[in-house]
Amino acid sequence: MPQGEPTIDQIDALVAPATPHFAYQLRARVEELVLDLPEEHEVRRYAEQQMELLDRLGHASTKAHEGPRVHRDVPGWEEIPSSAPADEPLPRR
């Protein structure tokens, strides 16, 4: 059964509950959802932004959209491998 053209709400439904553990699986689903849309399509451009967020989330521990941040001067911060939020992910190795 045809589902019609993807929407921003569908992209949000996939990305909103994302966690680092499932970021790349969700990214693949978002990419597949908009694969047939033209590059200039509003929904595809939005999906590409969300895929970038999911890429960063895959190297982070949280999306960090809400709540206070832990101060990075806390002793041991550098030794915590999953201490980075998605907007400042750890460097790729």
C-alpha atoms as a PDB file:
ATOM      1  CA  MET A   1       0.000   0.000   0.000  1.00  0.00           C
ATOM      2  CA  PRO A   2       1.502   3.398  -0.988  1.00  0.00           C
ATOM      3  CA  GLN A   3       2.271   5.610   1.982  1.00  0.00           C
ATOM      4  CA  GLY A   4       2.508   8.935   0.210  1.00  0.00           C
ATOM      5  CA  GLU A   5       5.207  11.538   0.525  1.00  0.00           C
ATOM      6  CA  PRO A   6       7.202  11.570   3.796  1.00  0.00           C
ATOM      7  CA  THR A   7       6.564  14.407   6.237  1.00  0.00           C
ATOM      8  CA  ILE A   8       8.553  16.347   8.799  1.00  0.00           C
ATOM      9  CA  ASP A   9       6.327  14.763  11.471  1.00  0.00           C
ATOM     10  CA  GLN A  10       7.445  11.304  10.326  1.00  0.00           C
ATOM     11  CA  ILE A  11      11.103  12.363  10.538  1.00  0.00           C
ATOM     12  CA  ASP A  12      10.505  13.765  14.033  1.00  0.00           C
ATOM     13  CA  ALA A  13       8.776  10.551  15.105  1.00  0.00           C
ATOM     14  CA  LEU A  14      11.896   8.584  14.163  1.00  0.00           C
ATOM     15  CA  VAL A  15      14.491  11.007  15.563  1.00  0.00           C
ATOM     16  CA  ALA A  16      12.820  12.212  18.779  1.00  0.00           C
ATOM     17  CA  PRO A  17      13.354   9.032  20.846  1.00  0.00           C
ATOM     18  CA  ALA A  18      16.872   8.427  19.484  1.00  0.00           C
ATOM     19  CA  THR A  19      19.603   7.266  21.820  1.00  0.00           C
ATOM     20  CA  PRO A  20      23.313   6.836  21.028  1.00  0.00           C
ATOM     21  CA  HIS A  21      22.863   3.057  20.812  1.00  0.00           C
ATOM     22  CA  PHE A  22      20.298   3.286  18.014  1.00  0.00           C
ATOM     23  CA  ALA A  23      21.407   6.495  16.271  1.00  0.00           C
ATOM     24  CA  TYR A  24      22.778   4.806  13.156  1.00  0.00           C
ATOM     25  CA  GLN A  25      19.834   2.448  12.723  1.00  0.00           C
ATOM     26  CA  LEU A  26      17.445   5.393  12.948  1.00  0.00           C
ATOM     27  CA  ARG A  27      19.635   7.405  10.592  1.00  0.00           C
ATOM     28  CA  ALA A  28      19.342   4.625   8.008  1.00  0.00           C
ATOM     29  CA  ARG A  29      15.540   4.619   8.349  1.00  0.00           C
ATOM     30  CA  VAL A  30      15.369   8.400   7.910  1.00  0.00           C
ATOM     31  CA  GLU A  31      17.638   8.213   4.872  1.00  0.00           C
ATOM     32  CA  GLU A  32      15.519   5.475   3.317  1.00  0.00           C
ATOM     33  CA  LEU A  33      12.350   7.467   3.984  1.00  0.00           C
ATOM     34  CA  VAL A  34      13.526  10.481   1.960  1.00  0.00           C
ATOM     35  CA  LEU A  35      15.712   8.721  -0.615  1.00  0.00           C
ATOM     36  CA  ASP A  36      13.361   9.401  -3.531  1.00  0.00           C
ATOM     37  CA  LEU A  37      12.747  13.071  -2.720  1.00  0.00           C
ATOM     38  CA  PRO A  38      14.579  15.719  -4.780  1.00  0.00           C
ATOM     39  CA  GLU A  39      17.597  17.300  -3.048  1.00  0.00           C
ATOM     40  CA  GLU A  40      15.858  20.680  -2.783  1.00  0.00           C
ATOM     41  CA  HIS A  41      12.706  19.256  -1.167  1.00  0.00           C
ATOM     42  CA  GLU A  42      11.960  20.810   2.244  1.00  0.00           C
ATOM     43  CA  VAL A  43      11.429  17.438   3.952  1.00  0.00           C
ATOM     44  CA  ARG A  44      14.654  16.004   2.517  1.00  0.00           C
ATOM     45  CA  ARG A  45      16.667  19.036   3.671  1.00  0.00           C
ATOM     46  CA  TYR A  46      15.135  18.694   7.139  1.00  0.00           C
ATOM     47  CA  ALA A  47      15.883  14.966   7.146  1.00  0.00           C
ATOM     48  CA  GLU A  48      19.518  15.654   6.228  1.00  0.00           C
ATOM     49  CA  GLN A  49      19.828  17.989   9.222  1.00  0.00           C
ATOM     50  CA  GLN A  50      18.365  15.305  11.465  1.00  0.00           C
ATOM     51  CA  MET A  51      20.714  12.673   9.984  1.00  0.00           C
ATOM     52  CA  GLU A  52      23.640  14.934  10.906  1.00  0.00           C
ATOM     53  CA  LEU A  53      22.280  15.090  14.468  1.00  0.00           C
ATOM     54  CA  LEU A  54      22.048  11.289  14.520  1.00  0.00           C
ATOM     55  CA  ASP A  55      25.649  11.036  13.263  1.00  0.00           C
ATOM     56  CA  ARG A  56      26.790  13.251  16.132  1.00  0.00           C
ATOM     57  CA  LEU A  57      24.607  11.356  18.591  1.00  0.00           C
ATOM     58  CA  GLY A  58      26.343   8.123  17.583  1.00  0.00           C
ATOM     59  CA  HIS A  59      29.548   9.584  19.078  1.00  0.00           C
ATOM     60  CA  ALA A  60      27.879  11.060  22.147  1.00  0.00           C
ATOM     61  CA  SER A  61      25.939  10.067  25.227  1.00  0.00           C
ATOM     62  CA  THR A  62      22.903  12.328  24.942  1.00  0.00           C
ATOM     63  CA  LYS A  63      21.147  14.761  22.623  1.00  0.00           C
ATOM     64  CA  ALA A  64      21.385  17.269  25.499  1.00  0.00           C
ATOM     65  CA  HIS A  65      18.341  19.219  24.359  1.00  0.00           C
ATOM     66  CA  GLU A  66      17.209  19.702  27.942  1.00  0.00           C
ATOM     67  CA  GLY A  67      18.656  19.961  31.392  1.00  0.00           C
ATOM     68  CA  PRO A  68      21.879  21.367  32.757  1.00  0.00           C
ATOM     69  CA  ARG A  69      25.273  20.288  31.489  1.00  0.00           C
ATOM     70  CA  VAL A  70      27.898  18.713  33.702  1.00  0.00           C
ATOM     71  CA  HIS A  71      30.825  21.085  34.073  1.00  0.00           C
ATOM     72  CA  ARG A  72      33.835  19.782  32.178  1.00  0.00           C
ATOM     73  CA  ASP A  73      36.200  20.703  35.002  1.00  0.00           C
ATOM     74  CA  VAL A  74      34.839  17.833  37.123  1.00  0.00           C
ATOM     75  CA  PRO A  75      37.728  15.504  38.066  1.00  0.00           C
ATOM     76  CA  GLY A  76      37.838  12.506  35.736  1.00  0.00           C
ATOM     77  CA  TRP A  77      35.793  14.137  32.958  1.00  0.00           C
ATOM     78  CA  GLU A  78      38.378  13.343  30.289  1.00  0.00           C
ATOM     79  CA  GLU A  79      38.335   9.643  31.262  1.00  0.00           C
ATOM     80  CA  ILE A  80      34.570   9.249  30.740  1.00  0.00           C
ATOM     81  CA  PRO A  81      34.254   7.904  27.188  1.00  0.00           C
ATOM     82  CA  SER A  82      30.559   8.742  26.817  1.00  0.00           C
ATOM     83  CA  SER A  83      30.606  12.207  28.336  1.00  0.00           C
ATOM     84  CA  ALA A  84      29.900  14.226  25.210  1.00  0.00           C
ATOM     85  CA  PRO A  85      26.516  15.620  24.142  1.00  0.00           C
ATOM     86  CA  ALA A  86      25.436  15.380  20.489  1.00  0.00           C
ATOM     87  CA  ASP A  87      26.133  19.044  19.814  1.00  0.00           C
ATOM     88  CA  GLU A  88      29.764  18.529  20.960  1.00  0.00           C
ATOM     89  CA  PRO A  89      30.505  14.852  20.255  1.00  0.00           C
ATOM     90  CA  LEU A  90      33.781  13.138  21.004  1.00  0.00           C
ATOM     91  CA  PRO A  91      36.265  13.210  18.124  1.00  0.00           C
ATOM     92  CA  ARG A  92      36.080  10.232  15.780  1.00  0.00           C
ATOM     93  CA  ARG A  93      38.906   7.764  16.206  1.00  0.00           C
END
